[in-house]
Protein backbone atom coordinates (compact mmCIF):
# COMPACT_ATOMS: atom_id res chain seq x y z
CA MET A 1 0.00 0.00 0.00
CA GLN A 2 2.93 2.34 0.60
CA PHE A 3 4.01 1.83 -2.99
CA ILE A 4 0.58 2.96 -4.21
CA ASN A 5 0.73 6.03 -1.94
CA GLN A 6 4.19 6.90 -3.26
CA LEU A 7 2.92 6.54 -6.82
CA PHE A 8 0.45 9.35 -6.17
CA ASN A 9 3.07 11.55 -4.48
CA ILE A 10 5.62 11.45 -7.32
CA ASN A 11 6.38 14.97 -8.57
CA THR A 12 7.78 13.92 -11.95
CA GLY A 13 5.14 15.51 -14.09
CA LEU A 14 3.28 12.28 -14.96
CA LYS A 15 -0.27 13.07 -15.76
CA ILE A 16 -3.26 11.39 -14.11
CA ALA A 17 -4.13 9.84 -17.47
CA ILE A 18 -0.91 7.81 -17.27
CA CYS A 19 -1.05 7.01 -13.54
CA ARG A 20 -4.66 5.81 -13.54
CA PRO A 21 -4.09 2.78 -15.90
CA ILE A 22 -0.98 1.84 -13.94
CA LEU A 23 -2.91 2.01 -10.69
CA ILE A 24 -5.78 -0.08 -12.11
CA LEU A 25 -3.29 -2.67 -13.38
CA LEU A 26 -1.55 -2.87 -10.01
CA LEU A 27 -4.82 -3.16 -8.12
CA SER A 28 -6.08 -5.89 -10.45
CA VAL A 29 -2.97 -7.92 -9.61
CA ILE A 30 -2.71 -7.12 -5.90
CA TRP A 31 -6.36 -6.85 -4.79
CA PRO A 32 -7.49 -10.46 -5.46
CA THR A 33 -4.59 -11.76 -3.40
CA ILE A 34 -5.37 -9.41 -0.52
CA SER A 35 -9.11 -10.04 -0.56
CA LEU A 36 -8.78 -13.85 -0.76
CA ALA A 37 -6.38 -13.85 2.17
CA GLN A 38 -9.04 -12.18 4.33
CA LEU A 39 -11.93 -14.51 3.42
CA PRO A 40 -12.75 -17.43 5.73
CA ARG A 41 -12.14 -20.87 4.28
CA PHE A 42 -15.29 -23.05 4.40
CA ASP A 43 -13.63 -26.16 3.03
CA SER A 44 -11.15 -26.48 5.89
CA PRO A 45 -12.09 -28.37 9.09
CA ILE A 46 -13.18 -26.36 12.10
CA PRO A 47 -10.61 -26.67 14.89
CA LYS A 48 -11.97 -28.06 18.14
CA SER A 49 -11.05 -26.63 21.49
CA ALA A 50 -9.50 -28.92 24.06
CA SER A 51 -12.73 -28.95 26.10
CA GLN A 52 -14.76 -30.12 23.11
CA GLU A 53 -12.30 -32.91 22.31
CA LYS A 54 -12.52 -34.28 25.86
CA LYS A 55 -16.33 -34.37 25.78
CA SER A 56 -16.54 -36.23 22.46
CA SER A 57 -15.18 -39.76 22.70
CA THR A 58 -16.87 -41.20 19.58
CA VAL A 59 -16.02 -40.27 16.04
CA LEU A 60 -18.78 -40.19 13.44
CA PRO A 61 -18.26 -40.36 9.69
CA SER A 62 -18.66 -36.93 8.09
CA ASN A 63 -21.80 -37.91 6.16
CA THR A 64 -23.97 -39.09 9.07
CA LEU A 65 -26.41 -37.28 11.27
CA GLU A 66 -26.81 -37.59 14.98
CA ASN A 67 -30.51 -37.83 15.67
CA GLN A 68 -32.96 -39.23 18.15
CA PRO A 69 -36.21 -40.80 16.93
CA SER A 70 -38.44 -38.54 19.03
CA GLN A 71 -36.71 -35.17 18.53
CA PRO A 72 -34.39 -33.82 15.85
CA SER A 73 -30.91 -33.19 17.18
CA GLU A 74 -29.45 -29.71 17.30
CA LYS A 75 -25.96 -31.03 16.53
CA SER A 76 -25.68 -32.48 13.05
CA ILE A 77 -22.51 -33.48 11.30
CA VAL A 78 -23.05 -33.44 7.56
CA ASN A 79 -20.53 -33.77 4.77
CA ASP A 80 -20.25 -30.22 3.42
CA SER A 81 -20.30 -31.34 -0.21
CA THR A 82 -23.70 -33.07 -0.14
CA ALA A 83 -27.10 -32.23 1.26
CA PRO A 84 -28.70 -34.68 3.69
CA LEU A 85 -31.06 -37.20 2.16
CA PRO A 86 -34.80 -36.65 2.75
CA ARG A 87 -34.98 -39.63 5.12
CA GLU A 88 -32.36 -37.92 7.32
CA ARG A 89 -34.37 -34.67 7.48
CA GLN A 90 -37.96 -35.95 7.79
CA LEU A 91 -40.04 -39.06 8.17
CA PRO A 92 -41.66 -40.47 5.02
CA LEU A 93 -45.37 -39.73 4.48
CA GLY A 94 -45.88 -43.34 3.50
CA ILE A 95 -44.43 -46.25 1.58
CA ILE A 96 -45.50 -47.45 -1.85
CA LYS A 97 -44.40 -50.88 -3.02
CA PRO A 98 -42.60 -50.63 -6.39
CA VAL A 99 -43.37 -53.49 -8.79
CA ASN A 100 -40.16 -54.70 -10.43
CA GLY A 101 -38.63 -51.30 -9.61
CA PHE A 102 -41.46 -49.26 -11.18
CA VAL A 103 -44.40 -47.23 -9.85
CA ASN A 104 -47.51 -45.68 -11.41
CA ILE A 105 -48.63 -42.21 -10.36
CA LYS A 106 -51.92 -40.45 -11.06
CA LEU A 107 -51.88 -36.65 -10.95
CA THR A 108 -55.29 -35.11 -10.23
CA ASN A 109 -55.51 -31.34 -10.65
CA LYS A 110 -58.53 -30.03 -8.73
CA THR A 111 -57.53 -26.39 -9.22
CA ALA A 112 -58.73 -24.18 -12.06
CA ALA A 113 -55.13 -23.29 -12.98
CA LYS A 114 -52.65 -25.17 -15.15
CA ILE A 115 -49.98 -27.09 -13.29
CA SER A 116 -46.58 -27.70 -14.85
CA TYR A 117 -44.90 -30.95 -13.86
CA GLU A 118 -41.71 -32.77 -14.79
CA VAL A 119 -40.41 -36.22 -13.95
CA ILE A 120 -36.73 -35.38 -13.50
CA GLY A 121 -34.57 -37.39 -15.88
CA ASP A 122 -37.60 -38.98 -17.58
CA THR A 123 -39.84 -36.33 -19.15
CA THR A 124 -39.64 -32.73 -20.19
CA GLN A 125 -41.86 -30.14 -18.53
CA ARG A 126 -45.53 -30.85 -19.24
CA GLN A 127 -48.81 -29.06 -18.54
CA LEU A 128 -51.82 -30.46 -16.70
CA SER A 129 -54.94 -28.39 -17.36
CA GLY A 130 -57.25 -27.31 -14.56
CA LYS A 131 -59.81 -29.89 -13.38
CA SER A 132 -58.05 -32.76 -15.20
CA GLU A 133 -55.89 -35.80 -14.46
CA VAL A 134 -53.13 -37.89 -16.01
CA ILE A 135 -51.58 -41.27 -15.18
CA LEU A 136 -47.80 -41.62 -15.38
CA ARG A 137 -47.04 -45.30 -15.92
CA THR A 138 -43.91 -47.36 -15.24
CA LEU A 139 -41.77 -44.70 -13.62
CA LYS A 140 -38.47 -46.21 -12.51
CA VAL A 141 -37.65 -45.61 -8.84
CA PRO A 142 -36.18 -43.46 -7.48
CA VAL A 143 -38.69 -40.95 -8.88
CA ASN A 144 -38.48 -37.19 -8.47
CA ILE A 145 -41.37 -35.06 -9.79
CA THR A 146 -41.56 -31.28 -9.56
CA PHE A 147 -44.77 -29.20 -9.67
CA TYR A 148 -45.46 -25.55 -10.40
CA ARG A 149 -48.90 -23.96 -10.34
CA GLU A 150 -49.59 -21.28 -12.93
CA LYS A 151 -48.75 -17.74 -11.76
CA GLY A 152 -46.88 -19.12 -8.74
CA GLY A 153 -49.91 -20.13 -6.68
CA PHE A 154 -49.43 -22.49 -3.74
CA LEU A 155 -50.26 -26.19 -4.04
CA LEU A 156 -51.59 -28.54 -1.39
CA ILE A 157 -50.81 -32.13 -2.42
CA LYS A 158 -52.49 -35.10 -0.75
CA PRO A 159 -51.09 -38.55 -1.61
CA GLN A 160 -53.57 -41.43 -1.72
CA LEU A 161 -52.70 -45.06 -2.46
CA ILE A 162 -55.18 -46.96 -4.63
CA ALA A 163 -54.11 -50.48 -3.67
CA GLU A 164 -56.22 -52.48 -6.12
CA LYS A 165 -54.64 -50.67 -9.07
CA GLY A 166 -51.15 -50.35 -7.53
CA LEU A 167 -51.42 -46.63 -8.12
CA LEU A 168 -50.35 -43.62 -6.10
CA GLU A 169 -52.73 -40.70 -6.64
CA LEU A 170 -51.62 -37.15 -5.91
CA ILE A 171 -54.63 -34.89 -5.39
CA MET A 172 -53.58 -31.28 -5.97
CA THR A 173 -55.69 -28.43 -4.61
CA GLU A 174 -54.94 -24.76 -4.11
CA THR A 175 -53.99 -23.26 -0.77
CA ASN A 176 -53.20 -19.80 0.52
CA ASP A 177 -50.93 -21.12 3.26
CA PHE A 178 -47.23 -20.95 2.36
CA ASN A 179 -46.44 -23.61 5.00
CA LEU A 180 -48.67 -26.16 3.24
CA ASP A 181 -47.23 -25.48 -0.24
CA LYS A 182 -45.54 -28.46 -1.90
CA SER A 183 -43.51 -28.41 -5.10
CA SER A 184 -41.85 -31.83 -5.38
CA LEU A 185 -42.37 -35.54 -4.77
CA LEU A 186 -39.60 -38.05 -4.14
CA ILE A 187 -40.08 -41.80 -4.09
CA GLU A 188 -36.92 -43.62 -3.04
CA GLU A 189 -35.89 -47.10 -4.19
CA THR A 190 -37.32 -48.47 -0.95
CA GLY A 191 -40.72 -46.91 -1.80
CA SER A 192 -40.49 -44.22 0.90
CA LEU A 193 -42.55 -41.21 -0.12
CA PHE A 194 -41.53 -37.60 0.58
CA LEU A 195 -43.28 -34.35 -0.34
CA ASN A 196 -41.41 -31.07 -0.14
């Protein structure tokens, strides 16, 4: 920084038009190094104090969660490169039994608005008109479907298993409650069903 200050104080008759590009060039080289040195590193492990190391006698793998069945734990150790799986964050809404690794899903739109949906990795985005339904057959598990109601309205989705047809029906109605809004369905290979 002293060098930059001296550059401004030089009485050699250099004009500002010449000094300004030199200054910009110097700052473009020096500034990234200075700014990166001051940023915290999120990929490095967090050092433990001696008191914390004495309390903890068990070592958990970095991709597991500590949790109790009745209450979610406040201390979670999660690998920083991956998000926790749905089963580690919430309990499944139910379980559907895949047949030979496939499931059938019926989408029932009870709203007056169009609903866009996409089976990730299987279909492109499609439209389901208001007050209509469609059956998606032989979807290979795991299945991830996203939903979007026209004009950003909230969706309330109620899953219902039709056992005699081996079909999972998703009844979609409108809601004004943000907390009830759902925009995706995940069915894991085990058949566990999650709505988010």
